[in-house]
Protein backbone atom coordinates (compact mmCIF):
# COMPACT_ATOMS: atom_id res chain seq x y z
CA MET A 1 -12.44 -8.04 -14.28
CA PHE A 2 -14.36 -11.25 -15.08
CA SER A 3 -12.81 -14.67 -14.90
CA ASN A 4 -13.80 -18.31 -15.38
CA PHE A 5 -11.73 -20.95 -13.62
CA ARG A 6 -12.03 -24.74 -13.62
CA ALA A 7 -9.94 -27.55 -12.14
CA HIS A 8 -7.41 -25.42 -10.33
CA ALA A 9 -7.07 -22.99 -7.48
CA PHE A 10 -6.18 -19.38 -8.09
CA VAL A 11 -4.42 -17.07 -5.67
CA ALA A 12 -4.27 -13.31 -6.12
CA ALA A 13 -2.92 -10.58 -3.93
CA LEU A 14 -4.96 -7.43 -3.81
CA LEU A 15 -3.45 -4.13 -2.99
CA LEU A 16 -4.95 -0.86 -1.84
CA THR A 17 -2.84 2.14 -0.94
CA SER A 18 -3.51 5.43 0.79
CA GLU A 19 -2.59 8.94 -0.27
CA VAL A 20 0.34 9.45 2.13
CA GLY A 21 3.30 7.64 3.67
CA SER A 22 6.49 5.93 2.61
CA THR A 23 4.59 2.70 2.10
CA GLN A 24 2.37 4.41 -0.47
CA THR A 25 5.33 5.89 -2.36
CA CYS A 26 7.10 2.53 -2.40
CA LEU A 27 3.99 0.65 -3.57
CA SER A 28 3.23 3.28 -6.19
CA CYS A 29 6.79 3.06 -7.54
CA ARG A 30 6.48 -0.72 -7.68
CA ARG A 31 3.22 -0.52 -9.62
CA GLN A 32 4.52 2.11 -12.04
CA ASP A 33 7.63 0.06 -12.85
CA ILE A 34 5.69 -3.19 -13.28
CA ASN A 35 3.36 -1.43 -15.75
CA ALA A 36 6.09 0.63 -17.47
CA GLY A 37 6.72 0.17 -21.15
CA PHE A 38 9.89 -0.54 -23.09
CA LEU A 39 12.89 1.67 -22.16
CA VAL A 40 11.14 3.18 -19.12
CA SER A 41 11.75 2.23 -15.52
CA TYR A 42 11.01 3.55 -12.05
CA SER A 43 13.40 3.29 -9.13
CA TYR A 44 12.79 3.84 -5.42
CA CYS A 45 15.11 5.30 -2.79
CA LYS A 46 14.12 4.24 0.73
CA GLN A 47 16.37 6.85 2.34
CA THR A 48 14.67 9.83 0.68
CA ASN A 49 11.31 8.11 0.03
CA GLU A 50 11.22 9.10 -3.62
CA CYS A 51 10.45 7.33 -6.86
CA ILE A 52 12.27 8.51 -9.98
CA GLN A 53 11.56 7.65 -13.58
CA ASP A 54 14.68 6.57 -15.48
CA VAL A 55 17.05 7.25 -12.57
CA TRP A 56 20.07 6.48 -14.77
CA ASN A 57 19.55 9.89 -16.37
CA TYR A 58 20.42 11.57 -13.05
CA ILE A 59 24.16 11.07 -12.57
CA ASN A 60 24.26 13.29 -9.48
CA ARG A 61 21.16 11.89 -7.74
CA PRO A 62 22.60 10.15 -4.66
CA CYS A 63 20.76 7.56 -2.62
CA GLU A 64 22.77 6.15 0.28
CA SER A 65 20.42 3.18 0.68
CA GLY A 66 20.74 2.48 -3.06
CA TRP A 67 18.19 2.75 -5.86
CA ASP A 68 15.88 -0.26 -6.07
CA ARG A 69 14.04 -1.08 -9.29
CA GLY A 70 10.33 -0.80 -8.63
CA LYS A 71 9.55 -4.22 -10.11
CA ASP A 72 12.01 -5.80 -7.66
CA LEU A 73 10.29 -4.36 -4.59
CA THR A 74 8.10 -6.76 -2.64
CA LEU A 75 4.96 -5.93 -0.70
CA GLU A 76 6.87 -6.77 2.46
CA ALA A 77 9.79 -4.48 1.51
CA CYS A 78 7.29 -1.64 1.12
CA ASN A 79 5.90 -2.40 4.62
CA ALA A 80 2.42 -3.20 3.33
CA THR A 81 0.26 -4.92 5.94
CA ALA A 82 -1.27 -8.34 5.22
CA VAL A 83 -4.94 -8.59 6.21
CA ALA A 84 -7.46 -11.44 6.03
CA CYS A 85 -9.66 -11.63 2.94
CA ILE A 86 -12.73 -13.53 1.83
CA ASP A 87 -11.97 -16.75 -0.06
CA PHE A 88 -14.32 -18.32 -2.61
CA GLU A 89 -14.89 -22.02 -3.17
CA SER A 90 -17.12 -22.91 -6.09
CA SER A 91 -19.57 -25.81 -6.03
CA PRO A 92 -22.41 -27.06 -8.29
CA ASP A 93 -25.06 -25.44 -6.06
CA LYS A 94 -23.28 -22.05 -6.25
CA ALA A 95 -23.23 -22.14 -10.06
CA THR A 96 -26.77 -20.76 -10.26
CA GLN A 97 -26.45 -18.32 -7.36
CA TYR A 98 -25.20 -14.74 -7.34
CA LEU A 99 -23.22 -13.95 -4.21
CA ASN A 100 -22.34 -10.31 -3.65
CA ARG A 101 -19.56 -9.64 -1.16
CA THR A 102 -18.23 -6.13 -0.77
CA TRP A 103 -15.32 -5.09 1.39
CA THR A 104 -12.62 -2.45 1.51
CA LEU A 105 -9.03 -2.99 2.52
CA PRO A 106 -7.38 -0.65 5.01
CA ALA A 107 -4.87 1.83 3.58
CA GLU A 108 -1.43 0.47 2.69
CA SER A 109 -2.50 -3.16 3.01
CA TYR A 110 -2.98 -6.23 0.87
CA CYS A 111 -4.71 -9.57 1.11
CA VAL A 112 -4.56 -12.91 -0.62
CA ILE A 113 -7.77 -14.33 -2.06
CA LYS A 114 -8.00 -18.01 -2.86
CA ILE A 115 -10.52 -18.93 -5.55
CA ASP A 116 -11.05 -22.69 -5.69
CA ALA A 117 -12.83 -23.83 -8.86
CA THR A 118 -12.03 -27.53 -8.72
CA GLU A 119 -15.69 -28.62 -8.38
CA GLU A 120 -17.42 -26.09 -10.64
CA ILE A 121 -16.68 -23.04 -12.80
CA ALA A 122 -16.14 -19.97 -10.63
CA ARG A 123 -17.28 -16.64 -11.97
CA VAL A 124 -15.63 -13.86 -10.00
CA ILE A 125 -15.94 -10.14 -10.65
CA PHE A 126 -13.76 -7.47 -9.08
CA ASP A 127 -15.74 -4.30 -9.69
CA ASN A 128 -14.89 -0.64 -8.98
CA THR A 129 -11.26 -1.50 -8.33
CA SER A 130 -9.05 1.31 -9.54
CA PHE A 131 -6.28 0.11 -7.21
CA LEU A 132 -6.51 -3.65 -7.80
CA GLY A 133 -3.20 -5.41 -8.31
CA VAL A 134 -3.05 -9.07 -9.28
CA GLU A 135 0.22 -10.57 -8.17
CA GLU A 136 -0.05 -14.04 -9.70
CA PRO A 137 2.69 -14.10 -12.37
CA LEU A 138 0.91 -16.66 -14.59
CA TYR A 139 -2.48 -14.93 -14.42
């Protein structure tokens, strides 16, 4: 993902999940529902820790805690852990430099990255990110 930004700050939440755990199932359900197409939805049951596509088709599928639409789940509701991330502030002297920063988030965690491009264009690349989620609604 390649982006140019000028005269504003940008905040994105990144998300990386592991292979197991209720947090992973919840976050996966959230992502599937956010990216679902027309007439498809995913719902999550915290009690049974399951995500069901088009739960309205299952009239006898009880969930005592109630079915939550995946898109309505928050990172906090899924018990994802917030961790510190690297921020980037652009400046005229950084415009001709290439800075490579690589890091990996712990499983079932997220971080918020602030990219400040008020002084100069910021070119930011998120590479090799099969589990990158951008949470800024106006992005």
